[in-house]
C-alpha cells in the first residue's frame, strides 16, 4: 500500500484546512495510518494517528483542534485542521504505522501547509 498526502495550501491563522491521504493498492483497511509534519529546522513529528480499528492518538499540540478520520471505502485518511496556528506551518506527510505506532514505508512528497498571520 502506497500513501500520498494532498490538500495543503495557504490558510489564515484561525482558519481551517483538510488534508487527504489517499492509498493505492489493497488491504488499506488493515493498516494504521499516521499524519506527521516537519517544519524547517525541525525533526519530523507525529500529529495524529488512527489504527485499523479506529483508535486515535493526537499530539498535545493539536489535541482539540485537529481531527483524524478514515474512510476505508475510499481508501483515504483525512486530517481536518481547525483553529490553525502559525506554528502549524510545515510539510505534512502520511505514512503507515505499526501496531505500536511506529511509521514504516516510504514517506512520499508530503503536502505543504502555509499559515498567514
C-alpha atoms as a PDB file:
ATOM      1  CA  UNK A   1       0.000   0.000   0.000  1.00  0.00           C
ATOM      2  CA  UNK A   2       1.361   3.388  -1.041  1.00  0.00           C
ATOM      3  CA  UNK A   3       0.084   6.586   0.542  1.00  0.00           C
ATOM      4  CA  UNK A   4       0.047  10.115  -0.894  1.00  0.00           C
ATOM      5  CA  UNK A   5      -0.777  13.270   1.011  1.00  0.00           C
ATOM      6  CA  UNK A   6      -2.583  16.194  -0.592  1.00  0.00           C
ATOM      7  CA  UNK A   7      -4.712  19.196   0.275  1.00  0.00           C
ATOM      8  CA  UNK A   8      -2.108  21.578   1.610  1.00  0.00           C
ATOM      9  CA  UNK A   9      -2.102  25.264   0.825  1.00  0.00           C
ATOM     10  CA  UNK A  10      -2.240  28.716   2.312  1.00  0.00           C
ATOM     11  CA  UNK A  11      -4.557  29.222   5.278  1.00  0.00           C
ATOM     12  CA  UNK A  12      -5.088  32.180   7.550  1.00  0.00           C
ATOM     13  CA  UNK A  13      -4.408  31.806  11.230  1.00  0.00           C
ATOM     14  CA  UNK A  14      -7.636  30.707  12.845  1.00  0.00           C
ATOM     15  CA  UNK A  15      -8.849  29.128   9.639  1.00  0.00           C
ATOM     16  CA  UNK A  16      -9.396  25.542   8.563  1.00  0.00           C
ATOM     17  CA  UNK A  17      -7.919  23.130   6.080  1.00  0.00           C
ATOM     18  CA  UNK A  18      -8.498  19.466   5.316  1.00  0.00           C
ATOM     19  CA  UNK A  19      -5.682  17.191   4.230  1.00  0.00           C
ATOM     20  CA  UNK A  20      -6.197  13.869   2.495  1.00  0.00           C
ATOM     21  CA  UNK A  21      -4.039  10.766   2.476  1.00  0.00           C
ATOM     22  CA  UNK A  22      -5.024   8.515  -0.401  1.00  0.00           C
ATOM     23  CA  UNK A  23      -3.924   4.897  -0.629  1.00  0.00           C
ATOM     24  CA  UNK A  24      -3.212   2.817  -3.661  1.00  0.00           C
ATOM     25  CA  UNK A  25      -3.198  -0.939  -3.515  1.00  0.00           C
ATOM     26  CA  UNK A  26      -5.183  -3.384  -1.497  1.00  0.00           C
ATOM     27  CA  UNK A  27      -5.546  -4.119   2.215  1.00  0.00           C
ATOM     28  CA  UNK A  28      -5.755  -0.442   3.206  1.00  0.00           C
ATOM     29  CA  UNK A  29      -8.278  -1.148   5.941  1.00  0.00           C
ATOM     30  CA  UNK A  30      -5.775  -3.360   7.748  1.00  0.00           C
ATOM     31  CA  UNK A  31      -3.239  -0.584   8.234  1.00  0.00           C
ATOM     32  CA  UNK A  32      -2.895   2.099  10.818  1.00  0.00           C
ATOM     33  CA  UNK A  33      -2.093   5.498   9.320  1.00  0.00           C
ATOM     34  CA  UNK A  34      -0.376   8.485  10.828  1.00  0.00           C
ATOM     35  CA  UNK A  35      -0.072  12.131   9.913  1.00  0.00           C
ATOM     36  CA  UNK A  36       3.313  13.697  10.552  1.00  0.00           C
ATOM     37  CA  UNK A  37       4.752  17.131   9.926  1.00  0.00           C
ATOM     38  CA  UNK A  38       8.155  18.697   9.530  1.00  0.00           C
ATOM     39  CA  UNK A  39       8.851  22.397   9.768  1.00  0.00           C
ATOM     40  CA  UNK A  40      12.150  23.876   8.546  1.00  0.00           C
ATOM     41  CA  UNK A  41      14.927  23.126  11.008  1.00  0.00           C
ATOM     42  CA  UNK A  42      12.786  20.723  12.992  1.00  0.00           C
ATOM     43  CA  UNK A  43      12.526  16.973  13.117  1.00  0.00           C
ATOM     44  CA  UNK A  44       9.510  15.202  11.727  1.00  0.00           C
ATOM     45  CA  UNK A  45       6.887  14.791  14.426  1.00  0.00           C
ATOM     46  CA  UNK A  46       3.673  12.888  14.883  1.00  0.00           C
ATOM     47  CA  UNK A  47       0.488  14.917  14.508  1.00  0.00           C
ATOM     48  CA  UNK A  48      -2.126  12.184  14.810  1.00  0.00           C
ATOM     49  CA  UNK A  49      -2.576   8.542  14.019  1.00  0.00           C
ATOM     50  CA  UNK A  50      -5.516   6.208  13.600  1.00  0.00           C
ATOM     51  CA  UNK A  51      -5.316   2.448  13.897  1.00  0.00           C
ATOM     52  CA  UNK A  52      -7.022  -0.066  11.666  1.00  0.00           C
ATOM     53  CA  UNK A  53      -9.766  -0.418  14.273  1.00  0.00           C
ATOM     54  CA  UNK A  54     -10.202   3.304  14.779  1.00  0.00           C
ATOM     55  CA  UNK A  55      -8.117   4.037  17.854  1.00  0.00           C
ATOM     56  CA  UNK A  56      -6.840   7.607  17.670  1.00  0.00           C
ATOM     57  CA  UNK A  57      -3.850   9.369  19.168  1.00  0.00           C
ATOM     58  CA  UNK A  58      -3.172  13.109  18.889  1.00  0.00           C
ATOM     59  CA  UNK A  59      -0.109  15.098  19.768  1.00  0.00           C
ATOM     60  CA  UNK A  60      -0.636  17.565  22.593  1.00  0.00           C
ATOM     61  CA  UNK A  61      -0.056  20.474  20.226  1.00  0.00           C
ATOM     62  CA  UNK A  62      -3.084  19.670  18.047  1.00  0.00           C
ATOM     63  CA  UNK A  63      -5.414  17.993  20.535  1.00  0.00           C
ATOM     64  CA  UNK A  64      -8.811  19.660  20.344  1.00  0.00           C
ATOM     65  CA  UNK A  65      -8.078  21.451  17.061  1.00  0.00           C
ATOM     66  CA  UNK A  66      -7.322  18.683  14.562  1.00  0.00           C
ATOM     67  CA  UNK A  67      -9.398  15.619  13.770  1.00  0.00           C
ATOM     68  CA  UNK A  68      -8.156  12.492  12.055  1.00  0.00           C
ATOM     69  CA  UNK A  69     -10.600  10.146  10.377  1.00  0.00           C
ATOM     70  CA  UNK A  70     -10.590   7.374   7.828  1.00  0.00           C
ATOM     71  CA  UNK A  71     -12.889   6.204   5.069  1.00  0.00           C
ATOM     72  CA  UNK A  72     -11.904   2.663   4.185  1.00  0.00           C
ATOM     73  CA  UNK A  73     -14.275   2.547   1.215  1.00  0.00           C
ATOM     74  CA  UNK A  74     -12.421   5.497  -0.321  1.00  0.00           C
ATOM     75  CA  UNK A  75      -9.061   4.258   0.977  1.00  0.00           C
ATOM     76  CA  UNK A  76      -8.416   7.680   2.415  1.00  0.00           C
ATOM     77  CA  UNK A  77      -7.410   9.138   5.768  1.00  0.00           C
ATOM     78  CA  UNK A  78      -8.258  12.764   6.469  1.00  0.00           C
ATOM     79  CA  UNK A  79      -6.808  15.381   8.746  1.00  0.00           C
ATOM     80  CA  UNK A  80      -9.233  18.188   9.488  1.00  0.00           C
ATOM     81  CA  UNK A  81      -7.277  21.163  10.756  1.00  0.00           C
ATOM     82  CA  UNK A  82      -9.275  23.822  12.610  1.00  0.00           C
ATOM     83  CA  UNK A  83      -8.144  26.916  14.505  1.00  0.00           C
ATOM     84  CA  UNK A  84      -4.878  26.738  12.630  1.00  0.00           C
ATOM     85  CA  UNK A  85      -1.918  28.490  14.233  1.00  0.00           C
ATOM     86  CA  UNK A  86       1.277  29.864  12.643  1.00  0.00           C
ATOM     87  CA  UNK A  87       3.231  27.082  14.323  1.00  0.00           C
ATOM     88  CA  UNK A  88       1.202  24.513  12.351  1.00  0.00           C
ATOM     89  CA  UNK A  89       3.017  25.549   9.165  1.00  0.00           C
ATOM     90  CA  UNK A  90       5.008  22.591   7.879  1.00  0.00           C
ATOM     91  CA  UNK A  91       5.180  19.894   5.266  1.00  0.00           C
ATOM     92  CA  UNK A  92       2.638  17.265   6.237  1.00  0.00           C
ATOM     93  CA  UNK A  93       3.197  13.620   5.467  1.00  0.00           C
ATOM     94  CA  UNK A  94       1.174  10.489   5.935  1.00  0.00           C
ATOM     95  CA  UNK A  95       2.524   7.016   6.384  1.00  0.00           C
ATOM     96  CA  UNK A  96       1.563   3.574   7.537  1.00  0.00           C
ATOM     97  CA  UNK A  97       2.127   2.838  11.202  1.00  0.00           C
ATOM     98  CA  UNK A  98       2.717  -0.399  13.054  1.00  0.00           C
ATOM     99  CA  UNK A  99       0.586  -1.708  15.883  1.00  0.00           C
ATOM    100  CA  UNK A 100       2.933   0.131  18.225  1.00  0.00           C
ATOM    101  CA  UNK A 101       2.508   3.380  16.309  1.00  0.00           C
ATOM    102  CA  UNK A 102       5.854   3.446  14.534  1.00  0.00           C
ATOM    103  CA  UNK A 103       5.856   4.672  10.935  1.00  0.00           C
ATOM    104  CA  UNK A 104       7.106   2.403   8.185  1.00  0.00           C
ATOM    105  CA  UNK A 105       7.332   2.518   4.433  1.00  0.00           C
ATOM    106  CA  UNK A 106       8.223   5.381   2.120  1.00  0.00           C
ATOM    107  CA  UNK A 107       7.306   8.924   3.120  1.00  0.00           C
ATOM    108  CA  UNK A 108       6.274  10.381  -0.193  1.00  0.00           C
ATOM    109  CA  UNK A 109       6.492  14.073  -1.060  1.00  0.00           C
ATOM    110  CA  UNK A 110       4.158  15.445   1.573  1.00  0.00           C
ATOM    111  CA  UNK A 111       1.915  18.466   1.235  1.00  0.00           C
ATOM    112  CA  UNK A 112       2.878  21.976   2.304  1.00  0.00           C
ATOM    113  CA  UNK A 113       0.733  23.942   4.735  1.00  0.00           C
ATOM    114  CA  UNK A 114       1.495  27.638   4.969  1.00  0.00           C
ATOM    115  CA  UNK A 115      -0.158  29.802   7.624  1.00  0.00           C
ATOM    116  CA  UNK A 116      -0.575  33.546   7.268  1.00  0.00           C
ATOM    117  CA  UNK A 117      -0.981  35.630  10.394  1.00  0.00           C
END
